[in-house]
Amino acid sequence: MGVLLATNPGLQNALFALLELYIVILIARALMSWFPITPGTSAETVVRVLERLTEPVLRPIRRILPPVRAGGMAIDLSIIIAIIAIQVLGRILISYV
């Protein structure tokens, strides 16, 4: 696959754009979780779409690292771990190009 990326910079740019877009989706999900969402609104639809896009990545991370209790609340570190992993993946891809 490294040869394919090296001969096709357009593919490399597309992969990096997808990785960056997924990071934006993860951040949007984190931000939306801070606000109360009224059922039946367009905001609820957005939250459900974000959950569908991110949960397949976040669920396995949460199995390994469950939310950390801090007083009366829990801090979900899975989004931070996912963003770091995506950044590392991007750097690995660039090292082969």
PDB file of N, CA and C in Angstrom:
ATOM      1  N   MET A   1       0.830  -1.192   0.000  1.00  0.00           N
ATOM      2  CA  MET A   1       0.000   0.000   0.000  1.00  0.00           C
ATOM      3  C   MET A   1       0.871   1.251   0.000  1.00  0.00           C
ATOM      4  N   GLY A   2       2.053   1.195   0.608  1.00  0.00           N
ATOM      5  CA  GLY A   2       2.957   2.335   0.624  1.00  0.00           C
ATOM      6  C   GLY A   2       3.334   2.769  -0.782  1.00  0.00           C
ATOM      7  N   VAL A   3       3.525   1.798  -1.690  1.00  0.00           N
ATOM      8  CA  VAL A   3       3.862   2.114  -3.068  1.00  0.00           C
ATOM      9  C   VAL A   3       2.694   2.820  -3.734  1.00  0.00           C
ATOM     10  N   LEU A   4       1.489   2.355  -3.470  1.00  0.00           N
ATOM     11  CA  LEU A   4       0.298   2.973  -4.044  1.00  0.00           C
ATOM     12  C   LEU A   4       0.179   4.429  -3.609  1.00  0.00           C
ATOM     13  N   LEU A   5       0.418   4.697  -2.327  1.00  0.00           N
ATOM     14  CA  LEU A   5       0.351   6.074  -1.835  1.00  0.00           C
ATOM     15  C   LEU A   5       1.464   6.924  -2.421  1.00  0.00           C
ATOM     16  N   ALA A   6       2.663   6.339  -2.572  1.00  0.00           N
ATOM     17  CA  ALA A   6       3.802   7.099  -3.079  1.00  0.00           C
ATOM     18  C   ALA A   6       3.583   7.507  -4.520  1.00  0.00           C
ATOM     19  N   THR A   7       2.867   6.697  -5.275  1.00  0.00           N
ATOM     20  CA  THR A   7       2.654   7.022  -6.680  1.00  0.00           C
ATOM     21  C   THR A   7       1.384   7.824  -6.899  1.00  0.00           C
ATOM     22  N   ASN A   8       0.617   8.048  -5.849  1.00  0.00           N
ATOM     23  CA  ASN A   8      -0.644   8.755  -6.005  1.00  0.00           C
ATOM     24  C   ASN A   8      -0.828   9.768  -4.873  1.00  0.00           C
ATOM     25  N   PRO A   9      -0.259  10.977  -5.012  1.00  0.00           N
ATOM     26  CA  PRO A   9      -0.412  11.972  -3.947  1.00  0.00           C
ATOM     27  C   PRO A   9      -1.865  12.393  -3.729  1.00  0.00           C
ATOM     28  N   GLY A  10      -2.708  12.265  -4.732  1.00  0.00           N
ATOM     29  CA  GLY A  10      -4.119  12.585  -4.570  1.00  0.00           C
ATOM     30  C   GLY A  10      -4.778  11.654  -3.569  1.00  0.00           C
ATOM     31  N   LEU A  11      -4.401  10.379  -3.609  1.00  0.00           N
ATOM     32  CA  LEU A  11      -4.927   9.411  -2.655  1.00  0.00           C
ATOM     33  C   LEU A  11      -4.430   9.730  -1.254  1.00  0.00           C
ATOM     34  N   GLN A  12      -3.162  10.097  -1.151  1.00  0.00           N
ATOM     35  CA  GLN A  12      -2.595  10.481   0.146  1.00  0.00           C
ATOM     36  C   GLN A  12      -3.365  11.664   0.730  1.00  0.00           C
ATOM     37  N   ASN A  13      -3.613  12.680  -0.075  1.00  0.00           N
ATOM     38  CA  ASN A  13      -4.357  13.855   0.397  1.00  0.00           C
ATOM     39  C   ASN A  13      -5.774  13.488   0.811  1.00  0.00           C
ATOM     40  N   ALA A  14      -6.403  12.593   0.057  1.00  0.00           N
ATOM     41  CA  ALA A  14      -7.765  12.176   0.389  1.00  0.00           C
ATOM     42  C   ALA A  14      -7.793  11.433   1.731  1.00  0.00           C
ATOM     43  N   LEU A  15      -6.814  10.554   1.957  1.00  0.00           N
ATOM     44  CA  LEU A  15      -6.750   9.822   3.226  1.00  0.00           C
ATOM     45  C   LEU A  15      -6.559  10.774   4.401  1.00  0.00           C
ATOM     46  N   PHE A  16      -5.665  11.741   4.241  1.00  0.00           N
ATOM     47  CA  PHE A  16      -5.450  12.700   5.322  1.00  0.00           C
ATOM     48  C   PHE A  16      -6.680  13.566   5.554  1.00  0.00           C
ATOM     49  N   ALA A  17      -7.372  13.922   4.492  1.00  0.00           N
ATOM     50  CA  ALA A  17      -8.597  14.709   4.636  1.00  0.00           C
ATOM     51  C   ALA A  17      -9.656  13.904   5.394  1.00  0.00           C
ATOM     52  N   LEU A  18      -9.765  12.612   5.105  1.00  0.00           N
ATOM     53  CA  LEU A  18     -10.724  11.765   5.816  1.00  0.00           C
ATOM     54  C   LEU A  18     -10.363  11.629   7.290  1.00  0.00           C
ATOM     55  N   LEU A  19      -9.081  11.473   7.583  1.00  0.00           N
ATOM     56  CA  LEU A  19      -8.654  11.385   8.982  1.00  0.00           C
ATOM     57  C   LEU A  19      -8.969  12.680   9.724  1.00  0.00           C
ATOM     58  N   GLU A  20      -8.694  13.807   9.105  1.00  0.00           N
ATOM     59  CA  GLU A  20      -8.980  15.105   9.729  1.00  0.00           C
ATOM     60  C   GLU A  20     -10.482  15.309   9.899  1.00  0.00           C
ATOM     61  N   LEU A  21     -11.268  14.904   8.919  1.00  0.00           N
ATOM     62  CA  LEU A  21     -12.725  15.012   9.025  1.00  0.00           C
ATOM     63  C   LEU A  21     -13.241  14.169  10.186  1.00  0.00           C
ATOM     64  N   TYR A  22     -12.678  12.979  10.358  1.00  0.00           N
ATOM     65  CA  TYR A  22     -13.122  12.122  11.458  1.00  0.00           C
ATOM     66  C   TYR A  22     -12.766  12.747  12.807  1.00  0.00           C
ATOM     67  N   ILE A  23     -11.630  13.416  12.885  1.00  0.00           N
ATOM     68  CA  ILE A  23     -11.273  14.123  14.119  1.00  0.00           C
ATOM     69  C   ILE A  23     -12.289  15.224  14.408  1.00  0.00           C
ATOM     70  N   VAL A  24     -12.698  15.947  13.394  1.00  0.00           N
ATOM     71  CA  VAL A  24     -13.713  16.997  13.572  1.00  0.00           C
ATOM     72  C   VAL A  24     -15.023  16.377  14.047  1.00  0.00           C
ATOM     73  N   ILE A  25     -15.390  15.224  13.508  1.00  0.00           N
ATOM     74  CA  ILE A  25     -16.609  14.542  13.934  1.00  0.00           C
ATOM     75  C   ILE A  25     -16.507  14.128  15.400  1.00  0.00           C
ATOM     76  N   LEU A  26     -15.347  13.618  15.811  1.00  0.00           N
ATOM     77  CA  LEU A  26     -15.142  13.247  17.217  1.00  0.00           C
ATOM     78  C   LEU A  26     -15.262  14.468  18.134  1.00  0.00           C
ATOM     79  N   ILE A  27     -14.674  15.576  17.730  1.00  0.00           N
ATOM     80  CA  ILE A  27     -14.751  16.795  18.542  1.00  0.00           C
ATOM     81  C   ILE A  27     -16.191  17.300  18.608  1.00  0.00           C
ATOM     82  N   ALA A  28     -16.894  17.242  17.490  1.00  0.00           N
ATOM     83  CA  ALA A  28     -18.302  17.674  17.481  1.00  0.00           C
ATOM     84  C   ALA A  28     -19.126  16.813  18.435  1.00  0.00           C
ATOM     85  N   ARG A  29     -18.859  15.522  18.444  1.00  0.00           N
ATOM     86  CA  ARG A  29     -19.597  14.647  19.368  1.00  0.00           C
ATOM     87  C   ARG A  29     -19.306  15.025  20.811  1.00  0.00           C
ATOM     88  N   ALA A  30     -18.040  15.285  21.112  1.00  0.00           N
ATOM     89  CA  ALA A  30     -17.682  15.664  22.479  1.00  0.00           C
ATOM     90  C   ALA A  30     -18.382  16.962  22.874  1.00  0.00           C
ATOM     91  N   LEU A  31     -18.374  17.941  21.989  1.00  0.00           N
ATOM     92  CA  LEU A  31     -19.007  19.229  22.290  1.00  0.00           C
ATOM     93  C   LEU A  31     -20.515  19.090  22.459  1.00  0.00           C
ATOM     94  N   MET A  32     -21.145  18.288  21.605  1.00  0.00           N
ATOM     95  CA  MET A  32     -22.599  18.119  21.699  1.00  0.00           C
ATOM     96  C   MET A  32     -22.989  17.414  22.999  1.00  0.00           C
ATOM     97  N   SER A  33     -22.100  16.618  23.555  1.00  0.00           N
ATOM     98  CA  SER A  33     -22.430  15.903  24.794  1.00  0.00           C
ATOM     99  C   SER A  33     -22.492  16.842  25.990  1.00  0.00           C
ATOM    100  N   TRP A  34     -21.988  18.046  25.851  1.00  0.00           N
ATOM    101  CA  TRP A  34     -21.996  19.004  26.952  1.00  0.00           C
ATOM    102  C   TRP A  34     -23.332  19.725  27.104  1.00  0.00           C
ATOM    103  N   PHE A  35     -24.197  19.631  26.100  1.00  0.00           N
ATOM    104  CA  PHE A  35     -25.450  20.388  26.094  1.00  0.00           C
ATOM    105  C   PHE A  35     -26.647  19.448  26.165  1.00  0.00           C
ATOM    106  N   PRO A  36     -27.690  19.873  26.867  1.00  0.00           N
ATOM    107  CA  PRO A  36     -28.908  19.043  26.891  1.00  0.00           C
ATOM    108  C   PRO A  36     -29.573  19.061  25.515  1.00  0.00           C
ATOM    109  N   ILE A  37     -30.015  17.909  25.077  1.00  0.00           N
ATOM    110  CA  ILE A  37     -30.640  17.783  23.764  1.00  0.00           C
ATOM    111  C   ILE A  37     -32.113  17.433  23.955  1.00  0.00           C
ATOM    112  N   THR A  38     -32.979  18.218  23.366  1.00  0.00           N
ATOM    113  CA  THR A  38     -34.418  17.976  23.447  1.00  0.00           C
ATOM    114  C   THR A  38     -34.807  16.911  22.431  1.00  0.00           C
ATOM    115  N   PRO A  39     -35.491  15.854  22.877  1.00  0.00           N
ATOM    116  CA  PRO A  39     -35.925  14.808  21.939  1.00  0.00           C
ATOM    117  C   PRO A  39     -36.823  15.378  20.836  1.00  0.00           C
ATOM    118  N   GLY A  40     -36.647  14.848  19.636  1.00  0.00           N
ATOM    119  CA  GLY A  40     -37.471  15.255  18.510  1.00  0.00           C
ATOM    120  C   GLY A  40     -36.964  16.479  17.763  1.00  0.00           C
ATOM    121  N   THR A  41     -35.854  17.042  18.180  1.00  0.00           N
ATOM    122  CA  THR A  41     -35.310  18.218  17.495  1.00  0.00           C
ATOM    123  C   THR A  41     -34.243  17.801  16.491  1.00  0.00           C
ATOM    124  N   SER A  42     -33.839  18.761  15.655  1.00  0.00           N
ATOM    125  CA  SER A  42     -32.776  18.479  14.691  1.00  0.00           C
ATOM    126  C   SER A  42     -31.451  18.233  15.411  1.00  0.00           C
ATOM    127  N   ALA A  43     -31.275  18.832  16.575  1.00  0.00           N
ATOM    128  CA  ALA A  43     -30.047  18.594  17.353  1.00  0.00           C
ATOM    129  C   ALA A  43     -29.957  17.127  17.759  1.00  0.00           C
ATOM    130  N   GLU A  44     -31.096  16.525  18.089  1.00  0.00           N
ATOM    131  CA  GLU A  44     -31.082  15.103  18.446  1.00  0.00           C
ATOM    132  C   GLU A  44     -30.665  14.261  17.235  1.00  0.00           C
ATOM    133  N   THR A  45     -31.130  14.636  16.065  1.00  0.00           N
ATOM    134  CA  THR A  45     -30.753  13.922  14.845  1.00  0.00           C
ATOM    135  C   THR A  45     -29.248  14.011  14.616  1.00  0.00           C
ATOM    136  N   VAL A  46     -28.693  15.195  14.808  1.00  0.00           N
ATOM    137  CA  VAL A  46     -27.254  15.392  14.639  1.00  0.00           C
ATOM    138  C   VAL A  46     -26.481  14.521  15.630  1.00  0.00           C
ATOM    139  N   VAL A  47     -26.922  14.500  16.878  1.00  0.00           N
ATOM    140  CA  VAL A  47     -26.255  13.694  17.909  1.00  0.00           C
ATOM    141  C   VAL A  47     -26.313  12.221  17.535  1.00  0.00           C
ATOM    142  N   ARG A  48     -27.444  11.742  17.064  1.00  0.00           N
ATOM    143  CA  ARG A  48     -27.575  10.326  16.689  1.00  0.00           C
ATOM    144  C   ARG A  48     -26.634   9.979  15.525  1.00  0.00           C
ATOM    145  N   VAL A  49     -26.530  10.876  14.546  1.00  0.00           N
ATOM    146  CA  VAL A  49     -25.617  10.637  13.414  1.00  0.00           C
ATOM    147  C   VAL A  49     -24.170  10.599  13.914  1.00  0.00           C
ATOM    148  N   LEU A  50     -23.809  11.539  14.771  1.00  0.00           N
ATOM    149  CA  LEU A  50     -22.450  11.557  15.322  1.00  0.00           C
ATOM    150  C   LEU A  50     -22.167  10.284  16.111  1.00  0.00           C
ATOM    151  N   GLU A  51     -23.140   9.814  16.874  1.00  0.00           N
ATOM    152  CA  GLU A  51     -22.969   8.571  17.633  1.00  0.00           C
ATOM    153  C   GLU A  51     -22.760   7.385  16.701  1.00  0.00           C
ATOM    154  N   ARG A  52     -23.545   7.319  15.639  1.00  0.00           N
ATOM    155  CA  ARG A  52     -23.399   6.211  14.680  1.00  0.00           C
ATOM    156  C   ARG A  52     -22.031   6.213  14.008  1.00  0.00           C
ATOM    157  N   LEU A  53     -21.507   7.395  13.746  1.00  0.00           N
ATOM    158  CA  LEU A  53     -20.209   7.497  13.078  1.00  0.00           C
ATOM    159  C   LEU A  53     -19.040   7.210  14.014  1.00  0.00           C
ATOM    160  N   THR A  54     -19.184   7.516  15.294  1.00  0.00           N
ATOM    161  CA  THR A  54     -18.050   7.429  16.210  1.00  0.00           C
ATOM    162  C   THR A  54     -18.076   6.214  17.131  1.00  0.00           C
ATOM    163  N   GLU A  55     -19.230   5.686  17.409  1.00  0.00           N
ATOM    164  CA  GLU A  55     -19.329   4.603  18.390  1.00  0.00           C
ATOM    165  C   GLU A  55     -18.527   3.358  18.007  1.00  0.00           C
ATOM    166  N   PRO A  56     -18.444   2.967  16.725  1.00  0.00           N
ATOM    167  CA  PRO A  56     -17.622   1.793  16.394  1.00  0.00           C
ATOM    168  C   PRO A  56     -16.140   1.948  16.767  1.00  0.00           C
ATOM    169  N   VAL A  57     -15.648   3.162  16.813  1.00  0.00           N
ATOM    170  CA  VAL A  57     -14.257   3.410  17.213  1.00  0.00           C
ATOM    171  C   VAL A  57     -14.156   3.578  18.726  1.00  0.00           C
ATOM    172  N   LEU A  58     -15.101   4.277  19.324  1.00  0.00           N
ATOM    173  CA  LEU A  58     -15.021   4.596  20.746  1.00  0.00           C
ATOM    174  C   LEU A  58     -15.364   3.414  21.662  1.00  0.00           C
ATOM    175  N   ARG A  59     -16.286   2.580  21.253  1.00  0.00           N
ATOM    176  CA  ARG A  59     -16.714   1.461  22.106  1.00  0.00           C
ATOM    177  C   ARG A  59     -15.559   0.540  22.493  1.00  0.00           C
ATOM    178  N   PRO A  60     -14.704   0.098  21.551  1.00  0.00           N
ATOM    179  CA  PRO A  60     -13.588  -0.766  21.957  1.00  0.00           C
ATOM    180  C   PRO A  60     -12.597  -0.057  22.891  1.00  0.00           C
ATOM    181  N   ILE A  61     -12.408   1.231  22.698  1.00  0.00           N
ATOM    182  CA  ILE A  61     -11.510   1.983  23.583  1.00  0.00           C
ATOM    183  C   ILE A  61     -12.097   2.028  24.985  1.00  0.00           C
ATOM    184  N   ARG A  62     -13.410   2.239  25.087  1.00  0.00           N
ATOM    185  CA  ARG A  62     -14.070   2.288  26.400  1.00  0.00           C
ATOM    186  C   ARG A  62     -14.021   0.948  27.132  1.00  0.00           C
ATOM    187  N   ARG A  63     -13.984  -0.146  26.377  1.00  0.00           N
ATOM    188  CA  ARG A  63     -13.861  -1.464  27.021  1.00  0.00           C
ATOM    189  C   ARG A  63     -12.518  -1.587  27.724  1.00  0.00           C
ATOM    190  N   ILE A  64     -11.483  -1.022  27.114  1.00  0.00           N
ATOM    191  CA  ILE A  64     -10.136  -1.074  27.700  1.00  0.00           C
ATOM    192  C   ILE A  64      -9.974  -0.004  28.769  1.00  0.00           C
ATOM    193  N   LEU A  65     -10.486   1.195  28.494  1.00  0.00           N
ATOM    194  CA  LEU A  65     -10.332   2.328  29.406  1.00  0.00           C
ATOM    195  C   LEU A  65     -11.712   2.929  29.683  1.00  0.00           C
ATOM    196  N   PRO A  66     -12.408   2.433  30.707  1.00  0.00           N
ATOM    197  CA  PRO A  66     -13.741   2.972  31.002  1.00  0.00           C
ATOM    198  C   PRO A  66     -13.647   4.431  31.480  1.00  0.00           C
ATOM    199  N   PRO A  67     -14.776   5.154  31.434  1.00  0.00           N
ATOM    200  CA  PRO A  67     -14.762   6.551  31.910  1.00  0.00           C
ATOM    201  C   PRO A  67     -14.211   6.644  33.334  1.00  0.00           C
ATOM    202  N   VAL A  68     -13.429   7.697  33.569  1.00  0.00           N
ATOM    203  CA  VAL A  68     -12.769   7.912  34.856  1.00  0.00           C
ATOM    204  C   VAL A  68     -13.706   8.715  35.754  1.00  0.00           C
ATOM    205  N   ARG A  69     -13.938   8.219  36.963  1.00  0.00           N
ATOM    206  CA  ARG A  69     -14.793   8.933  37.924  1.00  0.00           C
ATOM    207  C   ARG A  69     -14.041  10.130  38.488  1.00  0.00           C
ATOM    208  N   ALA A  70     -14.716  11.271  38.477  1.00  0.00           N
ATOM    209  CA  ALA A  70     -14.155  12.501  39.046  1.00  0.00           C
ATOM    210  C   ALA A  70     -15.274  13.181  39.822  1.00  0.00           C
ATOM    211  N   GLY A  71     -15.337  12.908  41.102  1.00  0.00           N
ATOM    212  CA  GLY A  71     -16.421  13.460  41.912  1.00  0.00           C
ATOM    213  C   GLY A  71     -17.730  12.800  41.519  1.00  0.00           C
ATOM    214  N   GLY A  72     -18.733  13.613  41.191  1.00  0.00           N
ATOM    215  CA  GLY A  72     -20.042  13.098  40.823  1.00  0.00           C
ATOM    216  C   GLY A  72     -20.214  12.876  39.339  1.00  0.00           C
ATOM    217  N   MET A  73     -19.151  12.989  38.571  1.00  0.00           N
ATOM    218  CA  MET A  73     -19.267  12.802  37.121  1.00  0.00           C
ATOM    219  C   MET A  73     -18.193  11.851  36.625  1.00  0.00           C
ATOM    220  N   ALA A  74     -18.317  11.425  35.383  1.00  0.00           N
ATOM    221  CA  ALA A  74     -17.328  10.550  34.761  1.00  0.00           C
ATOM    222  C   ALA A  74     -16.748  11.254  33.535  1.00  0.00           C
ATOM    223  N   ILE A  75     -15.446  11.136  33.372  1.00  0.00           N
ATOM    224  CA  ILE A  75     -14.768  11.749  32.226  1.00  0.00           C
ATOM    225  C   ILE A  75     -14.440  10.644  31.231  1.00  0.00           C
ATOM    226  N   ASP A  76     -14.975  10.783  30.022  1.00  0.00           N
ATOM    227  CA  ASP A  76     -14.761   9.798  28.963  1.00  0.00           C
ATOM    228  C   ASP A  76     -13.499  10.180  28.194  1.00  0.00           C
ATOM    229  N   LEU A  77     -12.452   9.401  28.358  1.00  0.00           N
ATOM    230  CA  LEU A  77     -11.178   9.682  27.698  1.00  0.00           C
ATOM    231  C   LEU A  77     -11.069   9.015  26.333  1.00  0.00           C
ATOM    232  N   SER A  78     -12.081   8.248  25.939  1.00  0.00           N
ATOM    233  CA  SER A  78     -11.995   7.499  24.686  1.00  0.00           C
ATOM    234  C   SER A  78     -11.846   8.413  23.469  1.00  0.00           C
ATOM    235  N   ILE A  79     -12.480   9.577  23.489  1.00  0.00           N
ATOM    236  CA  ILE A  79     -12.370  10.485  22.348  1.00  0.00           C
ATOM    237  C   ILE A  79     -10.937  11.013  22.226  1.00  0.00           C
ATOM    238  N   ILE A  80     -10.319  11.332  23.352  1.00  0.00           N
ATOM    239  CA  ILE A  80      -8.934  11.817  23.332  1.00  0.00           C
ATOM    240  C   ILE A  80      -8.011  10.725  22.801  1.00  0.00           C
ATOM    241  N   ILE A  81      -8.203   9.501  23.281  1.00  0.00           N
ATOM    242  CA  ILE A  81      -7.381   8.374  22.823  1.00  0.00           C
ATOM    243  C   ILE A  81      -7.570   8.158  21.324  1.00  0.00           C
ATOM    244  N   ALA A  82      -8.806   8.237  20.842  1.00  0.00           N
ATOM    245  CA  ALA A  82      -9.079   8.048  19.414  1.00  0.00           C
ATOM    246  C   ALA A  82      -8.400   9.131  18.582  1.00  0.00           C
ATOM    247  N   ILE A  83      -8.451  10.373  19.031  1.00  0.00           N
ATOM    248  CA  ILE A  83      -7.806  11.461  18.286  1.00  0.00           C
ATOM    249  C   ILE A  83      -6.300  11.250  18.235  1.00  0.00           C
ATOM    250  N   ILE A  84      -5.702  10.863  19.342  1.00  0.00           N
ATOM    251  CA  ILE A  84      -4.259  10.592  19.359  1.00  0.00           C
ATOM    252  C   ILE A  84      -3.926   9.447  18.404  1.00  0.00           C
ATOM    253  N   ALA A  85      -4.730   8.387  18.430  1.00  0.00           N
ATOM    254  CA  ALA A  85      -4.488   7.241  17.551  1.00  0.00           C
ATOM    255  C   ALA A  85      -4.593   7.638  16.079  1.00  0.00           C
ATOM    256  N   ILE A  86      -5.556   8.483  15.754  1.00  0.00           N
ATOM    257  CA  ILE A  86      -5.710   8.936  14.370  1.00  0.00           C
ATOM    258  C   ILE A  86      -4.511   9.784  13.955  1.00  0.00           C
ATOM    259  N   GLN A  87      -4.034  10.633  14.855  1.00  0.00           N
ATOM    260  CA  GLN A  87      -2.854  11.445  14.556  1.00  0.00           C
ATOM    261  C   GLN A  87      -1.627  10.554  14.320  1.00  0.00           C
ATOM    262  N   VAL A  88      -1.463   9.539  15.158  1.00  0.00           N
ATOM    263  CA  VAL A  88      -0.335   8.609  14.997  1.00  0.00           C
ATOM    264  C   VAL A  88      -0.465   7.866  13.668  1.00  0.00           C
ATOM    265  N   LEU A  89      -1.665   7.403  13.353  1.00  0.00           N
ATOM    266  CA  LEU A  89      -1.901   6.711  12.085  1.00  0.00           C
ATOM    267  C   LEU A  89      -1.527   7.617  10.908  1.00  0.00           C
ATOM    268  N   GLY A  90      -1.917   8.867  10.977  1.00  0.00           N
ATOM    269  CA  GLY A  90      -1.565   9.817   9.911  1.00  0.00           C
ATOM    270  C   GLY A  90      -0.073   9.972   9.765  1.00  0.00           C
ATOM    271  N   ARG A  91       0.656  10.049  10.879  1.00  0.00           N
ATOM    272  CA  ARG A  91       2.120  10.171  10.817  1.00  0.00           C
ATOM    273  C   ARG A  91       2.771   8.909  10.266  1.00  0.00           C
ATOM    274  N   ILE A  92       2.204   7.753  10.618  1.00  0.00           N
ATOM    275  CA  ILE A  92       2.735   6.500  10.074  1.00  0.00           C
ATOM    276  C   ILE A  92       2.537   6.466   8.560  1.00  0.00           C
ATOM    277  N   LEU A  93       1.366   6.879   8.109  1.00  0.00           N
ATOM    278  CA  LEU A  93       1.101   6.904   6.664  1.00  0.00           C
ATOM    279  C   LEU A  93       2.081   7.821   5.943  1.00  0.00           C
ATOM    280  N   ILE A  94       2.349   8.989   6.498  1.00  0.00           N
ATOM    281  CA  ILE A  94       3.255   9.931   5.832  1.00  0.00           C
ATOM    282  C   ILE A  94       4.690   9.400   5.804  1.00  0.00           C
ATOM    283  N   SER A  95       5.063   8.606   6.803  1.00  0.00           N
ATOM    284  CA  SER A  95       6.430   8.080   6.827  1.00  0.00           C
ATOM    285  C   SER A  95       6.674   7.059   5.712  1.00  0.00           C
ATOM    286  N   TYR A  96       5.613   6.453   5.192  1.00  0.00           N
ATOM    287  CA  TYR A  96       5.746   5.482   4.105  1.00  0.00           C
ATOM    288  C   TYR A  96       5.618   6.119   2.738  1.00  0.00           C
ATOM    289  N   VAL A  97       5.375   7.404   2.694  1.00  0.00           N
ATOM    290  CA  VAL A  97       5.171   8.063   1.401  1.00  0.00           C
ATOM    291  C   VAL A  97       6.411   8.799   0.980  1.00  0.00           C
TER     292      VAL A  97
END
